[in-house]
Amino acid sequence: MEAGKKTDTTLSTTDQNTELAVQSEDQSNFSSQVDAFANDANIAIENNAAFNGRIENTQGTVCNATAVADSANGIRRINLTYNGTSCTGNRSCAGIVMLSMPLLHIGKMQEQY
């Protein structure tokens, strides 16, 4: 009978460096996409008088998404629906980002503060 041979399963330094580089790039790409969605949400909020309280001075448009505002059932909502490639052509997205805020009446808001 022969005993099993133990093999070295550790990653080489090159493999570890490659893995770290891929992980770093993935994290950077993820952060960039989260930032892009946050920017789109800010633009949608700034452009909606029900959210920002202004009637004029819009801040731009959300690219490759449609924004639909609704104030039914005591909640202000903006749904950003993505379907396609961004204006810069560097990302493709499909899905919905939902923004919401409760409607507060002036009297109730003053009581809270």
PDB file of N, CA and C in Angstrom:
ATOM      1  N   MET A   1       0.826  -1.181   0.000  1.00  0.00           N
ATOM      2  CA  MET A   1       0.000   0.000   0.000  1.00  0.00           C
ATOM      3  C   MET A   1       0.867   1.240   0.000  1.00  0.00           C
ATOM      4  N   GLU A   2       0.388   2.202  -0.707  1.00  0.00           N
ATOM      5  CA  GLU A   2       1.150   3.429  -0.816  1.00  0.00           C
ATOM      6  C   GLU A   2       0.324   4.564  -0.233  1.00  0.00           C
ATOM      7  N   ALA A   3       0.927   5.413   0.550  1.00  0.00           N
ATOM      8  CA  ALA A   3       0.224   6.553   1.145  1.00  0.00           C
ATOM      9  C   ALA A   3      -0.006   7.621   0.099  1.00  0.00           C
ATOM     10  N   GLY A   4      -1.075   8.405   0.266  1.00  0.00           N
ATOM     11  CA  GLY A   4      -1.376   9.480  -0.674  1.00  0.00           C
ATOM     12  C   GLY A   4      -0.312  10.553  -0.658  1.00  0.00           C
ATOM     13  N   LYS A   5      -0.098  11.115  -1.795  1.00  0.00           N
ATOM     14  CA  LYS A   5       0.903  12.167  -1.917  1.00  0.00           C
ATOM     15  C   LYS A   5       0.250  13.514  -1.652  1.00  0.00           C
ATOM     16  N   LYS A   6       0.848  14.293  -0.790  1.00  0.00           N
ATOM     17  CA  LYS A   6       0.340  15.636  -0.483  1.00  0.00           C
ATOM     18  C   LYS A   6       0.854  16.604  -1.544  1.00  0.00           C
ATOM     19  N   THR A   7      -0.079  17.382  -2.120  1.00  0.00           N
ATOM     20  CA  THR A   7       0.326  18.363  -3.125  1.00  0.00           C
ATOM     21  C   THR A   7       0.128  19.768  -2.585  1.00  0.00           C
ATOM     22  N   ASP A   8       0.907  20.673  -3.069  1.00  0.00           N
ATOM     23  CA  ASP A   8       0.830  22.079  -2.666  1.00  0.00           C
ATOM     24  C   ASP A   8      -0.312  22.741  -3.426  1.00  0.00           C
ATOM     25  N   THR A   9      -1.326  23.215  -2.685  1.00  0.00           N
ATOM     26  CA  THR A   9      -2.495  23.838  -3.323  1.00  0.00           C
ATOM     27  C   THR A   9      -2.522  25.352  -3.140  1.00  0.00           C
ATOM     28  N   THR A  10      -1.450  25.921  -2.634  1.00  0.00           N
ATOM     29  CA  THR A  10      -1.432  27.379  -2.457  1.00  0.00           C
ATOM     30  C   THR A  10      -1.285  28.060  -3.815  1.00  0.00           C
ATOM     31  N   LEU A  11      -1.862  29.234  -3.923  1.00  0.00           N
ATOM     32  CA  LEU A  11      -1.766  29.996  -5.167  1.00  0.00           C
ATOM     33  C   LEU A  11      -0.381  30.622  -5.283  1.00  0.00           C
ATOM     34  N   SER A  12       0.105  30.680  -6.484  1.00  0.00           N
ATOM     35  CA  SER A  12       1.381  31.348  -6.702  1.00  0.00           C
ATOM     36  C   SER A  12       1.184  32.853  -6.512  1.00  0.00           C
ATOM     37  N   THR A  13       2.267  33.557  -6.344  1.00  0.00           N
ATOM     38  CA  THR A  13       2.207  35.011  -6.183  1.00  0.00           C
ATOM     39  C   THR A  13       1.566  35.657  -7.399  1.00  0.00           C
ATOM     40  N   THR A  14       1.864  35.146  -8.579  1.00  0.00           N
ATOM     41  CA  THR A  14       1.278  35.684  -9.807  1.00  0.00           C
ATOM     42  C   THR A  14      -0.230  35.495  -9.810  1.00  0.00           C
ATOM     43  N   ASP A  15      -0.692  34.281  -9.419  1.00  0.00           N
ATOM     44  CA  ASP A  15      -2.125  34.015  -9.357  1.00  0.00           C
ATOM     45  C   ASP A  15      -2.813  34.923  -8.339  1.00  0.00           C
ATOM     46  N   GLN A  16      -2.191  35.113  -7.196  1.00  0.00           N
ATOM     47  CA  GLN A  16      -2.764  35.985  -6.168  1.00  0.00           C
ATOM     48  C   GLN A  16      -2.855  37.423  -6.664  1.00  0.00           C
ATOM     49  N   ASN A  17      -1.808  37.895  -7.321  1.00  0.00           N
ATOM     50  CA  ASN A  17      -1.820  39.265  -7.846  1.00  0.00           C
ATOM     51  C   ASN A  17      -2.889  39.438  -8.911  1.00  0.00           C
ATOM     52  N   THR A  18      -3.047  38.433  -9.776  1.00  0.00           N
ATOM     53  CA  THR A  18      -4.089  38.487 -10.807  1.00  0.00           C
ATOM     54  C   THR A  18      -5.467  38.508 -10.161  1.00  0.00           C
ATOM     55  N   GLU A  19      -5.667  37.654  -9.163  1.00  0.00           N
ATOM     56  CA  GLU A  19      -6.952  37.600  -8.468  1.00  0.00           C
ATOM     57  C   GLU A  19      -7.260  38.928  -7.782  1.00  0.00           C
ATOM     58  N   LEU A  20      -6.267  39.530  -7.136  1.00  0.00           N
ATOM     59  CA  LEU A  20      -6.448  40.823  -6.481  1.00  0.00           C
ATOM     60  C   LEU A  20      -6.759  41.921  -7.491  1.00  0.00           C
ATOM     61  N   ALA A  21      -6.105  41.891  -8.636  1.00  0.00           N
ATOM     62  CA  ALA A  21      -6.357  42.900  -9.664  1.00  0.00           C
ATOM     63  C   ALA A  21      -7.782  42.788 -10.201  1.00  0.00           C
ATOM     64  N   VAL A  22      -8.254  41.571 -10.428  1.00  0.00           N
ATOM     65  CA  VAL A  22      -9.627  41.362 -10.909  1.00  0.00           C
ATOM     66  C   VAL A  22     -10.622  41.819  -9.859  1.00  0.00           C
ATOM     67  N   GLN A  23     -10.380  41.468  -8.597  1.00  0.00           N
ATOM     68  CA  GLN A  23     -11.276  41.872  -7.519  1.00  0.00           C
ATOM     69  C   GLN A  23     -11.313  43.395  -7.390  1.00  0.00           C
ATOM     70  N   SER A  24     -10.175  44.035  -7.510  1.00  0.00           N
ATOM     71  CA  SER A  24     -10.106  45.492  -7.426  1.00  0.00           C
ATOM     72  C   SER A  24     -10.878  46.140  -8.565  1.00  0.00           C
ATOM     73  N   GLU A  25     -10.732  45.599  -9.777  1.00  0.00           N
ATOM     74  CA  GLU A  25     -11.459  46.140 -10.928  1.00  0.00           C
ATOM     75  C   GLU A  25     -12.965  45.938 -10.770  1.00  0.00           C
ATOM     76  N   ASP A  26     -13.371  44.771 -10.274  1.00  0.00           N
ATOM     77  CA  ASP A  26     -14.794  44.505 -10.034  1.00  0.00           C
ATOM     78  C   ASP A  26     -15.367  45.507  -9.026  1.00  0.00           C
ATOM     79  N   GLN A  27     -14.629  45.746  -7.944  1.00  0.00           N
ATOM     80  CA  GLN A  27     -15.086  46.689  -6.926  1.00  0.00           C
ATOM     81  C   GLN A  27     -15.200  48.095  -7.501  1.00  0.00           C
ATOM     82  N   SER A  28     -14.227  48.491  -8.307  1.00  0.00           N
ATOM     83  CA  SER A  28     -14.255  49.809  -8.933  1.00  0.00           C
ATOM     84  C   SER A  28     -15.453  49.947  -9.876  1.00  0.00           C
ATOM     85  N   ASN A  29     -15.700  48.912 -10.685  1.00  0.00           N
ATOM     86  CA  ASN A  29     -16.850  48.940 -11.597  1.00  0.00           C
ATOM     87  C   ASN A  29     -18.160  49.010 -10.832  1.00  0.00           C
ATOM     88  N   PHE A  30     -18.280  48.231  -9.764  1.00  0.00           N
ATOM     89  CA  PHE A  30     -19.488  48.244  -8.946  1.00  0.00           C
ATOM     90  C   PHE A  30     -19.712  49.624  -8.340  1.00  0.00           C
ATOM     91  N   SER A  31     -18.660  50.201  -7.775  1.00  0.00           N
ATOM     92  CA  SER A  31     -18.765  51.541  -7.180  1.00  0.00           C
ATOM     93  C   SER A  31     -19.177  52.579  -8.216  1.00  0.00           C
ATOM     94  N   SER A  32     -18.632  52.480  -9.413  1.00  0.00           N
ATOM     95  CA  SER A  32     -18.991  53.420 -10.483  1.00  0.00           C
ATOM     96  C   SER A  32     -20.466  53.310 -10.851  1.00  0.00           C
ATOM     97  N   GLN A  33     -20.976  52.083 -10.912  1.00  0.00           N
ATOM     98  CA  GLN A  33     -22.385  51.885 -11.253  1.00  0.00           C
ATOM     99  C   GLN A  33     -23.300  52.403 -10.153  1.00  0.00           C
ATOM    100  N   VAL A  34     -22.946  52.164  -8.896  1.00  0.00           N
ATOM    101  CA  VAL A  34     -23.739  52.682  -7.772  1.00  0.00           C
ATOM    102  C   VAL A  34     -23.745  54.207  -7.818  1.00  0.00           C
ATOM    103  N   ASP A  35     -22.590  54.811  -8.095  1.00  0.00           N
ATOM    104  CA  ASP A  35     -22.513  56.272  -8.209  1.00  0.00           C
ATOM    105  C   ASP A  35     -23.395  56.781  -9.353  1.00  0.00           C
ATOM    106  N   ALA A  36     -23.409  56.068 -10.472  1.00  0.00           N
ATOM    107  CA  ALA A  36     -24.231  56.479 -11.615  1.00  0.00           C
ATOM    108  C   ALA A  36     -25.712  56.439 -11.257  1.00  0.00           C
ATOM    109  N   PHE A  37     -26.152  55.386 -10.559  1.00  0.00           N
ATOM    110  CA  PHE A  37     -27.558  55.307 -10.140  1.00  0.00           C
ATOM    111  C   PHE A  37     -27.891  56.406  -9.129  1.00  0.00           C
ATOM    112  N   ALA A  38     -26.967  56.693  -8.216  1.00  0.00           N
ATOM    113  CA  ALA A  38     -27.194  57.761  -7.238  1.00  0.00           C
ATOM    114  C   ALA A  38     -27.304  59.115  -7.942  1.00  0.00           C
ATOM    115  N   ASN A  39     -26.468  59.353  -8.940  1.00  0.00           N
ATOM    116  CA  ASN A  39     -26.556  60.601  -9.716  1.00  0.00           C
ATOM    117  C   ASN A  39     -27.895  60.697 -10.434  1.00  0.00           C
ATOM    118  N   ASP A  40     -28.340  59.592 -11.034  1.00  0.00           N
ATOM    119  CA  ASP A  40     -29.643  59.585 -11.709  1.00  0.00           C
ATOM    120  C   ASP A  40     -30.771  59.882 -10.715  1.00  0.00           C
ATOM    121  N   ALA A  41     -30.697  59.280  -9.539  1.00  0.00           N
ATOM    122  CA  ALA A  41     -31.724  59.522  -8.519  1.00  0.00           C
ATOM    123  C   ALA A  41     -31.728  60.989  -8.105  1.00  0.00           C
ATOM    124  N   ASN A  42     -30.556  61.567  -7.922  1.00  0.00           N
ATOM    125  CA  ASN A  42     -30.477  62.985  -7.553  1.00  0.00           C
ATOM    126  C   ASN A  42     -31.073  63.875  -8.636  1.00  0.00           C
ATOM    127  N   ILE A  43     -30.778  63.581  -9.887  1.00  0.00           N
ATOM    128  CA  ILE A  43     -31.337  64.367 -10.994  1.00  0.00           C
ATOM    129  C   ILE A  43     -32.857  64.253 -11.008  1.00  0.00           C
ATOM    130  N   ALA A  44     -33.376  63.032 -10.850  1.00  0.00           N
ATOM    131  CA  ALA A  44     -34.831  62.826 -10.863  1.00  0.00           C
ATOM    132  C   ALA A  44     -35.502  63.580  -9.721  1.00  0.00           C
ATOM    133  N   ILE A  45     -34.901  63.565  -8.552  1.00  0.00           N
ATOM    134  CA  ILE A  45     -35.464  64.280  -7.397  1.00  0.00           C
ATOM    135  C   ILE A  45     -35.404  65.785  -7.625  1.00  0.00           C
ATOM    136  N   GLU A  46     -34.272  66.271  -8.106  1.00  0.00           N
ATOM    137  CA  GLU A  46     -34.116  67.704  -8.353  1.00  0.00           C
ATOM    138  C   GLU A  46     -35.068  68.211  -9.429  1.00  0.00           C
ATOM    139  N   ASN A  47     -35.459  67.351 -10.356  1.00  0.00           N
ATOM    140  CA  ASN A  47     -36.358  67.756 -11.434  1.00  0.00           C
ATOM    141  C   ASN A  47     -37.830  67.603 -11.087  1.00  0.00           C
ATOM    142  N   ASN A  48     -38.164  67.114  -9.921  1.00  0.00           N
ATOM    143  CA  ASN A  48     -39.545  66.882  -9.555  1.00  0.00           C
ATOM    144  C   ASN A  48     -39.956  67.861  -8.464  1.00  0.00           C
ATOM    145  N   ALA A  49     -40.855  68.782  -8.807  1.00  0.00           N
ATOM    146  CA  ALA A  49     -41.276  69.822  -7.860  1.00  0.00           C
ATOM    147  C   ALA A  49     -41.894  69.232  -6.602  1.00  0.00           C
ATOM    148  N   ALA A  50     -42.560  68.084  -6.701  1.00  0.00           N
ATOM    149  CA  ALA A  50     -43.164  67.470  -5.519  1.00  0.00           C
ATOM    150  C   ALA A  50     -42.097  67.014  -4.524  1.00  0.00           C
ATOM    151  N   PHE A  51     -40.904  66.712  -4.994  1.00  0.00           N
ATOM    152  CA  PHE A  51     -39.815  66.293  -4.111  1.00  0.00           C
ATOM    153  C   PHE A  51     -38.976  67.472  -3.645  1.00  0.00           C
ATOM    154  N   ASN A  52     -38.724  68.425  -4.532  1.00  0.00           N
ATOM    155  CA  ASN A  52     -37.774  69.487  -4.189  1.00  0.00           C
ATOM    156  C   ASN A  52     -38.422  70.815  -3.807  1.00  0.00           C
ATOM    157  N   GLY A  53     -39.717  70.971  -4.080  1.00  0.00           N
ATOM    158  CA  GLY A  53     -40.412  72.197  -3.710  1.00  0.00           C
ATOM    159  C   GLY A  53     -40.228  73.348  -4.671  1.00  0.00           C
ATOM    160  N   ARG A  54     -39.450  73.155  -5.741  1.00  0.00           N
ATOM    161  CA  ARG A  54     -39.235  74.214  -6.727  1.00  0.00           C
ATOM    162  C   ARG A  54     -40.070  73.942  -7.967  1.00  0.00           C
ATOM    163  N   ILE A  55     -40.412  74.992  -8.654  1.00  0.00           N
ATOM    164  CA  ILE A  55     -41.167  74.852  -9.891  1.00  0.00           C
ATOM    165  C   ILE A  55     -40.247  74.962 -11.099  1.00  0.00           C
ATOM    166  N   GLU A  56     -39.141  75.684 -10.948  1.00  0.00           N
ATOM    167  CA  GLU A  56     -38.226  75.917 -12.064  1.00  0.00           C
ATOM    168  C   GLU A  56     -36.844  75.367 -11.753  1.00  0.00           C
ATOM    169  N   ASN A  57     -35.925  75.636 -12.671  1.00  0.00           N
ATOM    170  CA  ASN A  57     -34.506  75.300 -12.501  1.00  0.00           C
ATOM    171  C   ASN A  57     -34.244  73.804 -12.431  1.00  0.00           C
ATOM    172  N   THR A  58     -34.627  73.086 -13.467  1.00  0.00           N
ATOM    173  CA  THR A  58     -34.318  71.669 -13.496  1.00  0.00           C
ATOM    174  C   THR A  58     -32.816  71.463 -13.647  1.00  0.00           C
ATOM    175  N   GLN A  59     -32.335  70.339 -13.207  1.00  0.00           N
ATOM    176  CA  GLN A  59     -30.903  70.080 -13.124  1.00  0.00           C
ATOM    177  C   GLN A  59     -30.354  69.200 -14.240  1.00  0.00           C
ATOM    178  N   GLY A  60     -31.152  68.813 -15.189  1.00  0.00           N
ATOM    179  CA  GLY A  60     -30.675  67.940 -16.255  1.00  0.00           C
ATOM    180  C   GLY A  60     -31.674  66.820 -16.490  1.00  0.00           C
ATOM    181  N   THR A  61     -31.264  65.824 -17.237  1.00  0.00           N
ATOM    182  CA  THR A  61     -32.137  64.692 -17.507  1.00  0.00           C
ATOM    183  C   THR A  61     -31.413  63.399 -17.176  1.00  0.00           C
ATOM    184  N   VAL A  62     -32.203  62.390 -16.891  1.00  0.00           N
ATOM    185  CA  VAL A  62     -31.660  61.062 -16.653  1.00  0.00           C
ATOM    186  C   VAL A  62     -31.528  60.384 -18.010  1.00  0.00           C
ATOM    187  N   CYS A  63     -30.355  59.908 -18.300  1.00  0.00           N
ATOM    188  CA  CYS A  63     -30.087  59.295 -19.596  1.00  0.00           C
ATOM    189  C   CYS A  63     -30.459  57.815 -19.575  1.00  0.00           C
ATOM    190  N   ASN A  64     -30.962  57.308 -20.634  1.00  0.00           N
ATOM    191  CA  ASN A  64     -31.364  55.921 -20.879  1.00  0.00           C
ATOM    192  C   ASN A  64     -32.389  55.389 -19.879  1.00  0.00           C
ATOM    193  N   ALA A  65     -33.155  56.285 -19.278  1.00  0.00           N
ATOM    194  CA  ALA A  65     -34.208  55.863 -18.353  1.00  0.00           C
ATOM    195  C   ALA A  65     -35.393  56.803 -18.488  1.00  0.00           C
ATOM    196  N   THR A  66     -36.566  56.283 -18.186  1.00  0.00           N
ATOM    197  CA  THR A  66     -37.741  57.140 -18.114  1.00  0.00           C
ATOM    198  C   THR A  66     -38.079  57.332 -16.643  1.00  0.00           C
ATOM    199  N   ALA A  67     -38.461  58.543 -16.296  1.00  0.00           N
ATOM    200  CA  ALA A  67     -38.837  58.860 -14.915  1.00  0.00           C
ATOM    201  C   ALA A  67     -40.329  59.134 -14.875  1.00  0.00           C
ATOM    202  N   VAL A  68     -41.029  58.406 -13.999  1.00  0.00           N
ATOM    203  CA  VAL A  68     -42.462  58.586 -13.840  1.00  0.00           C
ATOM    204  C   VAL A  68     -42.724  58.941 -12.381  1.00  0.00           C
ATOM    205  N   ALA A  69     -43.371  60.090 -12.163  1.00  0.00           N
ATOM    206  CA  ALA A  69     -43.676  60.556 -10.809  1.00  0.00           C
ATOM    207  C   ALA A  69     -45.128  60.253 -10.473  1.00  0.00           C
ATOM    208  N   ASP A  70     -45.376  59.968  -9.190  1.00  0.00           N
ATOM    209  CA  ASP A  70     -46.714  59.632  -8.706  1.00  0.00           C
ATOM    210  C   ASP A  70     -46.808  60.079  -7.249  1.00  0.00           C
ATOM    211  N   SER A  71     -47.968  60.571  -6.854  1.00  0.00           N
ATOM    212  CA  SER A  71     -48.170  60.981  -5.459  1.00  0.00           C
ATOM    213  C   SER A  71     -49.433  60.355  -4.876  1.00  0.00           C
ATOM    214  N   ALA A  72     -49.721  59.139  -5.234  1.00  0.00           N
ATOM    215  CA  ALA A  72     -50.930  58.467  -4.758  1.00  0.00           C
ATOM    216  C   ALA A  72     -50.711  57.845  -3.384  1.00  0.00           C
ATOM    217  N   ASN A  73     -51.791  57.694  -2.643  1.00  0.00           N
ATOM    218  CA  ASN A  73     -51.809  56.991  -1.352  1.00  0.00           C
ATOM    219  C   ASN A  73     -50.849  57.565  -0.316  1.00  0.00           C
ATOM    220  N   GLY A  74     -50.659  58.865  -0.321  1.00  0.00           N
ATOM    221  CA  GLY A  74     -49.853  59.512   0.708  1.00  0.00           C
ATOM    222  C   GLY A  74     -48.355  59.331   0.573  1.00  0.00           C
ATOM    223  N   ILE A  75     -47.893  58.888  -0.585  1.00  0.00           N
ATOM    224  CA  ILE A  75     -46.454  58.695  -0.800  1.00  0.00           C
ATOM    225  C   ILE A  75     -46.067  59.290  -2.148  1.00  0.00           C
ATOM    226  N   ARG A  76     -45.006  60.076  -2.136  1.00  0.00           N
ATOM    227  CA  ARG A  76     -44.450  60.571  -3.397  1.00  0.00           C
ATOM    228  C   ARG A  76     -43.500  59.523  -3.926  1.00  0.00           C
ATOM    229  N   ARG A  77     -43.624  59.230  -5.211  1.00  0.00           N
ATOM    230  CA  ARG A  77     -42.768  58.214  -5.824  1.00  0.00           C
ATOM    231  C   ARG A  77     -42.206  58.714  -7.150  1.00  0.00           C
ATOM    232  N   ILE A  78     -41.004  58.300  -7.434  1.00  0.00           N
ATOM    233  CA  ILE A  78     -40.423  58.448  -8.763  1.00  0.00           C
ATOM    234  C   ILE A  78     -39.865  57.078  -9.124  1.00  0.00           C
ATOM    235  N   ASN A  79     -40.327  56.540 -10.232  1.00  0.00           N
ATOM    236  CA  ASN A  79     -39.783  55.275 -10.730  1.00  0.00           C
ATOM    237  C   ASN A  79     -38.904  55.571 -11.935  1.00  0.00           C
ATOM    238  N   LEU A  80     -37.655  55.166 -11.848  1.00  0.00           N
ATOM    239  CA  LEU A  80     -36.720  55.276 -12.961  1.00  0.00           C
ATOM    240  C   LEU A  80     -36.643  53.904 -13.623  1.00  0.00           C
ATOM    241  N   THR A  81     -37.090  53.815 -14.870  1.00  0.00           N
ATOM    242  CA  THR A  81     -37.075  52.543 -15.586  1.00  0.00           C
ATOM    243  C   THR A  81     -35.978  52.588 -16.640  1.00  0.00           C
ATOM    244  N   TYR A  82     -35.006  51.713 -16.488  1.00  0.00           N
ATOM    245  CA  TYR A  82     -33.858  51.630 -17.389  1.00  0.00           C
ATOM    246  C   TYR A  82     -34.082  50.520 -18.404  1.00  0.00           C
ATOM    247  N   ASN A  83     -33.694  50.796 -19.641  1.00  0.00           N
ATOM    248  CA  ASN A  83     -33.789  49.772 -20.666  1.00  0.00           C
ATOM    249  C   ASN A  83     -32.869  50.133 -21.825  1.00  0.00           C
ATOM    250  N   GLY A  84     -31.618  49.746 -21.722  1.00  0.00           N
ATOM    251  CA  GLY A  84     -30.719  49.996 -22.837  1.00  0.00           C
ATOM    252  C   GLY A  84     -29.367  50.513 -22.416  1.00  0.00           C
ATOM    253  N   THR A  85     -28.656  51.042 -23.389  1.00  0.00           N
ATOM    254  CA  THR A  85     -27.295  51.526 -23.201  1.00  0.00           C
ATOM    255  C   THR A  85     -27.312  52.980 -22.748  1.00  0.00           C
ATOM    256  N   SER A  86     -26.372  53.328 -21.889  1.00  0.00           N
ATOM    257  CA  SER A  86     -26.267  54.698 -21.396  1.00  0.00           C
ATOM    258  C   SER A  86     -25.908  55.639 -22.544  1.00  0.00           C
ATOM    259  N   CYS A  87     -26.081  56.929 -22.302  1.00  0.00           N
ATOM    260  CA  CYS A  87     -25.762  57.927 -23.337  1.00  0.00           C
ATOM    261  C   CYS A  87     -24.283  57.901 -23.721  1.00  0.00           C
ATOM    262  N   THR A  88     -23.426  57.556 -22.778  1.00  0.00           N
ATOM    263  CA  THR A  88     -22.004  57.484 -23.073  1.00  0.00           C
ATOM    264  C   THR A  88     -21.616  56.157 -23.713  1.00  0.00           C
ATOM    265  N   GLY A  89     -22.547  55.192 -23.699  1.00  0.00           N
ATOM    266  CA  GLY A  89     -22.297  53.905 -24.329  1.00  0.00           C
ATOM    267  C   GLY A  89     -21.425  52.959 -23.528  1.00  0.00           C
ATOM    268  N   ASN A  90     -21.119  53.318 -22.272  1.00  0.00           N
ATOM    269  CA  ASN A  90     -20.221  52.472 -21.492  1.00  0.00           C
ATOM    270  C   ASN A  90     -20.931  51.522 -20.530  1.00  0.00           C
ATOM    271  N   ARG A  91     -22.261  51.569 -20.465  1.00  0.00           N
ATOM    272  CA  ARG A  91     -22.974  50.612 -19.627  1.00  0.00           C
ATOM    273  C   ARG A  91     -24.348  50.338 -20.205  1.00  0.00           C
ATOM    274  N   SER A  92     -24.828  49.164 -19.923  1.00  0.00           N
ATOM    275  CA  SER A  92     -26.158  48.777 -20.345  1.00  0.00           C
ATOM    276  C   SER A  92     -26.926  48.373 -19.098  1.00  0.00           C
ATOM    277  N   CYS A  93     -28.146  48.803 -19.001  1.00  0.00           N
ATOM    278  CA  CYS A  93     -28.900  48.545 -17.789  1.00  0.00           C
ATOM    279  C   CYS A  93     -30.362  48.306 -18.121  1.00  0.00           C
ATOM    280  N   ALA A  94     -30.979  47.377 -17.408  1.00  0.00           N
ATOM    281  CA  ALA A  94     -32.410  47.143 -17.519  1.00  0.00           C
ATOM    282  C   ALA A  94     -32.932  46.912 -16.110  1.00  0.00           C
ATOM    283  N   GLY A  95     -33.993  47.597 -15.757  1.00  0.00           N
ATOM    284  CA  GLY A  95     -34.574  47.436 -14.426  1.00  0.00           C
ATOM    285  C   GLY A  95     -35.199  48.724 -13.943  1.00  0.00           C
ATOM    286  N   ILE A  96     -35.636  48.704 -12.694  1.00  0.00           N
ATOM    287  CA  ILE A  96     -36.341  49.842 -12.113  1.00  0.00           C
ATOM    288  C   ILE A  96     -35.684  50.242 -10.792  1.00  0.00           C
ATOM    289  N   VAL A  97     -35.489  51.539 -10.616  1.00  0.00           N
ATOM    290  CA  VAL A  97     -35.078  52.111  -9.334  1.00  0.00           C
ATOM    291  C   VAL A  97     -36.278  52.904  -8.836  1.00  0.00           C
ATOM    292  N   MET A  98     -36.745  52.579  -7.612  1.00  0.00           N
ATOM    293  CA  MET A  98     -37.915  53.254  -7.051  1.00  0.00           C
ATOM    294  C   MET A  98     -37.483  54.178  -5.918  1.00  0.00           C
ATOM    295  N   LEU A  99     -37.859  55.450  -6.043  1.00  0.00           N
ATOM    296  CA  LEU A  99     -37.585  56.452  -5.018  1.00  0.00           C
ATOM    297  C   LEU A  99     -38.918  56.810  -4.380  1.00  0.00           C
ATOM    298  N   SER A 100     -38.961  56.940  -3.063  1.00  0.00           N
ATOM    299  CA  SER A 100     -40.230  57.299  -2.422  1.00  0.00           C
ATOM    300  C   SER A 100     -39.985  58.179  -1.206  1.00  0.00           C
ATOM    301  N   MET A 101     -41.009  58.951  -0.879  1.00  0.00           N
ATOM    302  CA  MET A 101     -40.966  59.855   0.255  1.00  0.00           C
ATOM    303  C   MET A 101     -42.397  60.055   0.734  1.00  0.00           C
ATOM    304  N   PRO A 102     -42.659  59.970   2.042  1.00  0.00           N
ATOM    305  CA  PRO A 102     -44.032  60.174   2.520  1.00  0.00           C
ATOM    306  C   PRO A 102     -44.463  61.624   2.321  1.00  0.00           C
ATOM    307  N   LEU A 103     -45.744  61.799   2.029  1.00  0.00           N
ATOM    308  CA  LEU A 103     -46.310  63.144   1.942  1.00  0.00           C
ATOM    309  C   LEU A 103     -46.525  63.653   3.358  1.00  0.00           C
ATOM    310  N   LEU A 104     -46.017  64.823   3.655  1.00  0.00           N
ATOM    311  CA  LEU A 104     -46.225  65.431   4.971  1.00  0.00           C
ATOM    312  C   LEU A 104     -47.019  66.707   4.786  1.00  0.00           C
ATOM    313  N   HIS A 105     -47.993  66.878   5.620  1.00  0.00           N
ATOM    314  CA  HIS A 105     -48.735  68.134   5.603  1.00  0.00           C
ATOM    315  C   HIS A 105     -47.973  69.143   6.442  1.00  0.00           C
ATOM    316  N   ILE A 106     -48.097  70.407   6.117  1.00  0.00           N
ATOM    317  CA  ILE A 106     -47.316  71.457   6.785  1.00  0.00           C
ATOM    318  C   ILE A 106     -47.492  71.388   8.295  1.00  0.00           C
ATOM    319  N   GLY A 107     -48.702  71.228   8.791  1.00  0.00           N
ATOM    320  CA  GLY A 107     -48.945  71.167  10.227  1.00  0.00           C
ATOM    321  C   GLY A 107     -48.223  69.996  10.877  1.00  0.00           C
ATOM    322  N   LYS A 108     -48.265  68.851  10.252  1.00  0.00           N
ATOM    323  CA  LYS A 108     -47.596  67.672  10.794  1.00  0.00           C
ATOM    324  C   LYS A 108     -46.089  67.836  10.761  1.00  0.00           C
ATOM    325  N   MET A 109     -45.584  68.461   9.710  1.00  0.00           N
ATOM    326  CA  MET A 109     -44.141  68.661   9.615  1.00  0.00           C
ATOM    327  C   MET A 109     -43.670  69.609  10.723  1.00  0.00           C
ATOM    328  N   GLN A 110     -44.429  70.650  11.020  1.00  0.00           N
ATOM    329  CA  GLN A 110     -44.042  71.593  12.049  1.00  0.00           C
ATOM    330  C   GLN A 110     -44.078  70.936  13.420  1.00  0.00           C
ATOM    331  N   GLU A 111     -45.026  70.009  13.647  1.00  0.00           N
ATOM    332  CA  GLU A 111     -45.092  69.311  14.922  1.00  0.00           C
ATOM    333  C   GLU A 111     -43.860  68.443  15.141  1.00  0.00           C
ATOM    334  N   GLN A 112     -43.297  67.907  14.081  1.00  0.00           N
ATOM    335  CA  GLN A 112     -42.140  67.027  14.214  1.00  0.00           C
ATOM    336  C   GLN A 112     -40.877  67.801  14.548  1.00  0.00           C
ATOM    337  N   TYR A 113     -40.825  69.070  14.231  1.00  0.00           N
ATOM    338  CA  TYR A 113     -39.590  69.828  14.439  1.00  0.00           C
ATOM    339  C   TYR A 113     -39.740  70.817  15.514  1.00  0.00           C
TER     340      TYR A 113
END
